[in-house]
Amino acid sequence: MADTCGQVLLGSGLTVLSHPLMYIKVLIQVGHEPLAPSLGRNLFGRQVSQLPGLFAYAKHIIKIDGKAGLFKGLGPRLCAGSIGTIVHSNVVQVAPQQEGNKLLCLFSLPQTTKEMIARSCATIVTHPFHVITLRCMVQFIGRETKYSGVFDSIVTVYREEGVLGFFAGLIPRLLGDVLSLWICNLLAHLINTYAIDDSMSHTGEIKNCSQAVTGFFASMLTYPFVLVSNLMAVNNCGLAGGLPPYASVCPTWVDCWRHLSREGNMSRGNSLFFRKLPAGKMYAVDQKRFF
């Protein structure tokens, strides 16, 4: 119990610190570009036209809503993080702990399966709060106040969309989480087994590093699922950011995937720095988006 409380407190602190990044990322994912492209330099020092990055976007939000504006949707996100940590911890404790070195058993089928079930349960239970978080953020585009608090937002979603409204975008999110977990553990297992010699010094640190690297790689591969999930969570919910011209009304997440793929936007929002202009797109100043 003490370990779980410690995880909740640590997770809440990290959530608060990282919230402005997620807020800006979500707005970019939806396609909101309030600042016109400008001249800048890429990683190689060449002068190119690029979209404003994290800090320019943050300054724009602060200019409109103040510093507190960077923390819209923080309440439901904290609820999601805390409840998710508790659910994950309880589900993991149901199955017996596997004996042996955890690093050596990294890709153990039972261990990975147990982690997959725990993550999936946490995702399903907390998804309603995730939906509310995203909608609170997207209100910035149309300056709406439809979702103003956790309890009021729950009532609003249930009244307008029923129970299913709380689980908009759940399927691609679950698929992305599961694929990311298995890809990460499989790659880490291959690296730790065939690329790292146990006789090397600092073997434990190297294996932990490989786990972090493979996790980052897996998150890059499964990013389209995250994007589609977030877009479906706000799609056709009555907010400007979930309706045309920002978003096409998609009946299913597969339709959303196909639309993004057709438009070449499967990686939109993946980077907050050195953002390139979309190929073949024109910037609409009045609509603050590309078309």
Protein backbone atom coordinates (compact mmCIF):
# COMPACT_ATOMS: atom_id res chain seq x y z
CA MET A 1 0.00 0.00 0.00
CA ALA A 2 2.81 2.38 0.88
CA ASP A 3 4.54 1.61 -2.42
CA THR A 4 1.33 2.35 -4.33
CA CYS A 5 0.85 5.68 -2.53
CA GLY A 6 4.43 6.59 -3.33
CA GLN A 7 3.86 5.75 -6.99
CA VAL A 8 0.68 7.85 -7.03
CA LEU A 9 2.47 10.87 -5.54
CA LEU A 10 5.44 10.54 -7.87
CA GLY A 11 3.19 10.03 -10.88
CA SER A 12 1.08 13.06 -9.95
CA GLY A 13 4.18 15.24 -9.72
CA LEU A 14 5.43 14.10 -13.09
CA THR A 15 1.96 14.63 -14.56
CA VAL A 16 1.88 18.25 -13.39
CA LEU A 17 5.34 18.93 -14.80
CA SER A 18 4.62 17.31 -18.16
CA HIS A 19 1.08 18.62 -18.62
CA PRO A 20 1.96 21.72 -20.71
CA LEU A 21 3.82 19.46 -23.16
CA MET A 22 0.83 17.15 -23.54
CA TYR A 23 -1.52 20.14 -23.89
CA ILE A 24 0.48 21.61 -26.77
CA LYS A 25 0.95 18.18 -28.35
CA VAL A 26 -2.82 17.54 -28.37
CA LEU A 27 -3.55 20.90 -30.00
CA ILE A 28 -1.00 20.13 -32.71
CA GLN A 29 -2.46 16.64 -33.18
CA VAL A 30 -5.88 18.14 -33.79
CA GLY A 31 -4.34 20.42 -36.42
CA HIS A 32 -4.55 23.78 -34.66
CA GLU A 33 -1.73 26.04 -35.88
CA PRO A 34 -2.33 29.52 -34.44
CA LEU A 35 1.09 30.80 -35.50
CA ALA A 36 2.14 31.13 -39.12
CA PRO A 37 5.30 29.37 -40.36
CA SER A 38 8.52 31.30 -39.98
CA LEU A 39 12.15 31.05 -41.06
CA GLY A 40 14.36 29.00 -38.79
CA ARG A 41 17.28 26.61 -38.87
CA ASN A 42 17.22 22.83 -38.90
CA LEU A 43 19.55 20.44 -37.11
CA PHE A 44 22.21 21.02 -39.77
CA GLY A 45 22.06 24.81 -39.52
CA ARG A 46 20.31 25.31 -42.84
CA GLN A 47 17.71 28.08 -43.03
CA VAL A 48 14.27 26.59 -43.68
CA SER A 49 10.63 27.46 -43.21
CA GLN A 50 9.28 25.67 -40.17
CA LEU A 51 6.35 25.67 -37.81
CA PRO A 52 6.62 27.20 -34.32
CA GLY A 53 7.89 24.74 -31.75
CA LEU A 54 7.04 24.04 -28.13
CA PHE A 55 8.20 27.31 -26.61
CA ALA A 56 6.61 29.57 -29.23
CA TYR A 57 3.32 27.66 -28.88
CA ALA A 58 3.51 27.93 -25.08
CA LYS A 59 4.09 31.69 -25.26
CA HIS A 60 1.01 32.01 -27.48
CA ILE A 61 -1.16 30.14 -24.97
CA ILE A 62 0.20 32.21 -22.07
CA LYS A 63 -0.53 35.39 -24.01
CA ILE A 64 -4.19 34.39 -24.32
CA ASP A 65 -4.95 32.48 -21.11
CA GLY A 66 -2.02 33.28 -18.84
CA LYS A 67 0.32 30.70 -17.32
CA ALA A 68 -2.60 28.86 -15.76
CA GLY A 69 -3.87 28.26 -19.29
CA LEU A 70 -1.09 25.72 -19.82
CA PHE A 71 -2.76 23.44 -17.27
CA LYS A 72 -6.22 23.03 -18.78
CA GLY A 73 -7.45 19.49 -18.27
CA LEU A 74 -5.02 18.81 -15.42
CA GLY A 75 -7.75 17.75 -12.95
CA PRO A 76 -9.15 14.79 -14.92
CA ARG A 77 -5.64 13.80 -15.99
CA LEU A 78 -4.54 13.59 -12.35
CA CYS A 79 -7.60 11.45 -11.63
CA ALA A 80 -6.71 9.16 -14.53
CA GLY A 81 -3.10 8.83 -13.41
CA SER A 82 -3.92 8.10 -9.77
CA ILE A 83 -6.69 5.60 -10.49
CA GLY A 84 -4.61 3.96 -13.23
CA THR A 85 -1.67 3.45 -10.87
CA ILE A 86 -3.89 1.84 -8.24
CA VAL A 87 -5.63 -0.46 -10.75
CA HIS A 88 -2.34 -1.47 -12.36
CA SER A 89 -0.76 -2.23 -8.99
CA ASN A 90 -3.70 -4.33 -7.82
CA VAL A 91 -3.92 -6.35 -11.04
CA VAL A 92 -0.17 -7.06 -11.00
CA GLN A 93 -0.39 -8.31 -7.41
CA VAL A 94 -3.13 -10.80 -8.28
CA ALA A 95 -0.73 -13.01 -10.24
CA PRO A 96 2.21 -14.63 -8.39
CA GLN A 97 5.58 -12.93 -8.75
CA GLN A 98 8.00 -14.70 -11.03
CA GLU A 99 11.20 -15.90 -9.45
CA GLY A 100 14.65 -15.14 -10.81
CA ASN A 101 16.44 -12.13 -12.20
CA LYS A 102 13.88 -9.76 -13.64
CA LEU A 103 16.29 -8.55 -16.31
CA LEU A 104 17.03 -12.08 -17.47
CA CYS A 105 13.32 -12.93 -17.57
CA LEU A 106 12.40 -9.68 -19.32
CA PHE A 107 10.55 -11.33 -22.18
CA SER A 108 8.98 -14.07 -20.11
CA LEU A 109 5.63 -14.81 -21.69
CA PRO A 110 3.70 -14.94 -18.37
CA GLN A 111 5.36 -11.76 -17.10
CA THR A 112 4.67 -9.80 -20.29
CA THR A 113 1.12 -11.12 -20.48
CA LYS A 114 0.48 -10.10 -16.86
CA GLU A 115 1.82 -6.61 -17.57
CA MET A 116 -0.36 -6.39 -20.68
CA ILE A 117 -3.48 -7.29 -18.70
CA ALA A 118 -2.61 -4.81 -15.94
CA ARG A 119 -2.03 -1.97 -18.42
CA SER A 120 -5.19 -2.79 -20.35
CA CYS A 121 -7.32 -2.81 -17.19
CA ALA A 122 -5.86 0.53 -16.10
CA THR A 123 -6.45 2.01 -19.57
CA ILE A 124 -10.08 0.88 -19.72
CA VAL A 125 -10.91 2.14 -16.21
CA THR A 126 -9.27 5.54 -16.71
CA HIS A 127 -10.26 6.19 -20.33
CA PRO A 128 -13.32 8.30 -19.41
CA PHE A 129 -11.02 10.74 -17.61
CA HIS A 130 -8.67 10.69 -20.59
CA VAL A 131 -11.55 11.66 -22.90
CA ILE A 132 -12.52 14.55 -20.61
CA THR A 133 -8.89 15.69 -20.41
CA LEU A 134 -8.59 15.87 -24.19
CA ARG A 135 -11.86 17.72 -24.60
CA CYS A 136 -10.90 20.28 -21.95
CA MET A 137 -7.72 20.93 -23.92
CA VAL A 138 -9.32 21.14 -27.35
CA GLN A 139 -11.73 23.81 -26.08
CA PHE A 140 -8.85 26.27 -26.55
CA ILE A 141 -9.47 26.25 -30.30
CA GLY A 142 -13.07 27.45 -30.23
CA ARG A 143 -12.82 29.20 -26.84
CA GLU A 144 -15.62 27.00 -25.49
CA THR A 145 -16.36 26.31 -21.83
CA LYS A 146 -18.47 23.20 -22.32
CA TYR A 147 -16.17 20.99 -20.24
CA SER A 148 -15.28 22.98 -17.14
CA GLY A 149 -14.83 20.41 -14.35
CA VAL A 150 -14.57 16.69 -13.79
CA PHE A 151 -18.07 16.08 -12.47
CA ASP A 152 -19.78 18.57 -14.80
CA SER A 153 -17.92 17.02 -17.74
CA ILE A 154 -19.06 13.52 -16.75
CA VAL A 155 -22.65 14.71 -16.74
CA THR A 156 -22.20 16.46 -20.11
CA VAL A 157 -20.71 13.41 -21.81
CA TYR A 158 -23.36 11.06 -20.42
CA ARG A 159 -26.22 13.40 -21.33
CA GLU A 160 -25.08 13.92 -24.93
CA GLU A 161 -23.44 10.60 -25.85
CA GLY A 162 -24.37 8.05 -23.23
CA VAL A 163 -21.97 5.54 -21.74
CA LEU A 164 -20.20 4.94 -25.07
CA GLY A 165 -19.09 8.56 -25.12
CA PHE A 166 -16.71 7.85 -22.25
CA PHE A 167 -14.89 5.26 -24.36
CA ALA A 168 -14.43 7.17 -27.60
CA GLY A 169 -11.05 6.24 -29.05
CA LEU A 170 -10.48 3.36 -26.63
CA ILE A 171 -9.80 0.60 -29.19
CA PRO A 172 -6.82 2.25 -30.97
CA ARG A 173 -5.41 3.29 -27.60
CA LEU A 174 -5.55 -0.29 -26.31
CA LEU A 175 -4.04 -1.65 -29.51
CA GLY A 176 -1.23 0.88 -29.36
CA ASP A 177 -0.45 0.08 -25.72
CA VAL A 178 -0.39 -3.67 -26.30
CA LEU A 179 1.74 -3.46 -29.45
CA SER A 180 4.15 -1.04 -27.79
CA LEU A 181 4.62 -3.35 -24.80
CA TRP A 182 5.31 -6.46 -26.86
CA ILE A 183 7.60 -4.68 -29.34
CA CYS A 184 9.55 -3.07 -26.50
CA ASN A 185 10.01 -6.31 -24.54
CA LEU A 186 10.83 -8.37 -27.62
CA LEU A 187 13.50 -5.95 -28.86
CA ALA A 188 14.97 -5.56 -25.37
CA HIS A 189 15.09 -9.35 -25.01
CA LEU A 190 16.91 -9.74 -28.34
CA ILE A 191 19.42 -7.01 -27.47
CA ASN A 192 20.05 -8.31 -23.95
CA THR A 193 20.39 -11.90 -25.15
CA TYR A 194 22.44 -11.54 -28.31
CA ALA A 195 24.12 -8.12 -28.17
CA ILE A 196 25.15 -7.81 -24.51
CA ASP A 197 27.70 -10.10 -22.89
CA ASP A 198 27.03 -10.83 -19.21
CA SER A 199 30.76 -10.64 -18.58
CA MET A 200 30.77 -6.95 -19.47
CA SER A 201 31.02 -4.39 -16.69
CA HIS A 202 27.86 -2.46 -15.74
CA THR A 203 25.69 -5.07 -17.45
CA GLY A 204 22.63 -4.14 -15.38
CA GLU A 205 22.85 -0.46 -16.34
CA ILE A 206 23.32 -1.34 -20.01
CA LYS A 207 20.25 -3.59 -19.99
CA ASN A 208 18.17 -0.88 -18.32
CA CYS A 209 19.36 1.54 -20.99
CA SER A 210 18.40 -0.88 -23.75
CA GLN A 211 14.92 -1.15 -22.22
CA ALA A 212 14.56 2.65 -22.35
CA VAL A 213 15.79 2.84 -25.95
CA THR A 214 13.51 0.05 -27.16
CA GLY A 215 10.60 1.69 -25.32
CA PHE A 216 11.21 4.92 -27.18
CA PHE A 217 11.46 3.05 -30.49
CA ALA A 218 8.24 1.14 -29.79
CA SER A 219 6.40 4.37 -28.94
CA MET A 220 7.52 5.85 -32.27
CA LEU A 221 6.21 2.83 -34.18
CA THR A 222 2.84 2.86 -32.42
CA TYR A 223 2.37 6.65 -32.45
CA PRO A 224 -0.35 6.53 -35.15
CA PHE A 225 -2.57 4.61 -32.71
CA VAL A 226 -2.11 7.37 -30.12
CA LEU A 227 -2.96 10.04 -32.69
CA VAL A 228 -6.07 8.26 -33.95
CA SER A 229 -7.24 7.56 -30.38
CA ASN A 230 -6.92 11.20 -29.35
CA LEU A 231 -8.68 12.43 -32.47
CA MET A 232 -11.57 10.00 -32.01
CA ALA A 233 -11.94 11.08 -28.38
CA VAL A 234 -12.83 14.60 -29.52
CA ASN A 235 -14.39 13.77 -32.89
CA ASN A 236 -17.89 15.16 -33.38
CA CYS A 237 -18.31 16.02 -29.69
CA GLY A 238 -19.66 19.50 -30.29
CA LEU A 239 -16.32 21.32 -30.00
CA ALA A 240 -14.77 23.29 -32.86
CA GLY A 241 -11.61 21.17 -32.67
CA GLY A 242 -13.59 17.99 -33.35
CA LEU A 243 -15.62 19.29 -36.28
CA PRO A 244 -14.85 20.48 -39.83
CA PRO A 245 -12.70 22.22 -40.94
CA TYR A 246 -10.31 20.96 -38.24
CA ALA A 247 -11.49 17.38 -38.35
CA SER A 248 -13.63 15.26 -40.61
CA VAL A 249 -16.47 13.48 -38.87
CA CYS A 250 -15.36 9.84 -38.77
CA PRO A 251 -17.85 7.07 -37.88
CA THR A 252 -15.08 4.69 -36.75
CA TRP A 253 -11.41 4.86 -35.83
CA VAL A 254 -10.56 2.92 -39.00
CA ASP A 255 -12.10 5.73 -41.07
CA CYS A 256 -10.03 8.24 -39.09
CA TRP A 257 -6.88 6.19 -39.75
CA ARG A 258 -7.60 6.05 -43.47
CA HIS A 259 -8.28 9.79 -43.63
CA LEU A 260 -5.03 10.65 -41.85
CA SER A 261 -3.08 8.23 -44.04
CA ARG A 262 -4.61 9.68 -47.19
CA GLU A 263 -3.72 13.20 -46.07
CA GLY A 264 -0.19 12.21 -45.01
CA ASN A 265 -0.80 13.22 -41.38
CA MET A 266 -0.01 9.97 -39.55
CA SER A 267 2.88 11.60 -37.67
CA ARG A 268 1.22 14.95 -36.92
CA GLY A 269 2.19 16.12 -33.44
CA ASN A 270 4.95 13.55 -33.07
CA SER A 271 7.61 16.25 -32.72
CA LEU A 272 7.48 19.50 -30.74
CA PHE A 273 10.80 20.80 -32.08
CA PHE A 274 12.10 21.46 -35.61
CA ARG A 275 8.61 21.01 -37.01
CA LYS A 276 8.56 20.82 -40.80
CA LEU A 277 5.81 22.24 -42.97
CA PRO A 278 3.39 19.58 -44.28
CA ALA A 279 4.29 18.72 -47.86
CA GLY A 280 1.88 20.13 -50.42
CA LYS A 281 -0.20 22.01 -47.85
CA MET A 282 -1.19 25.66 -47.72
CA TYR A 283 -1.57 27.63 -44.48
CA ALA A 284 -4.98 29.25 -43.92
CA VAL A 285 -4.43 32.32 -41.73
CA ASP A 286 -8.11 32.81 -40.90
CA GLN A 287 -8.68 29.16 -39.96
CA LYS A 288 -5.23 28.72 -38.33
CA ARG A 289 -4.61 25.37 -39.94
CA PHE A 290 -3.20 23.71 -43.06
CA PHE A 291 -5.35 22.43 -45.87
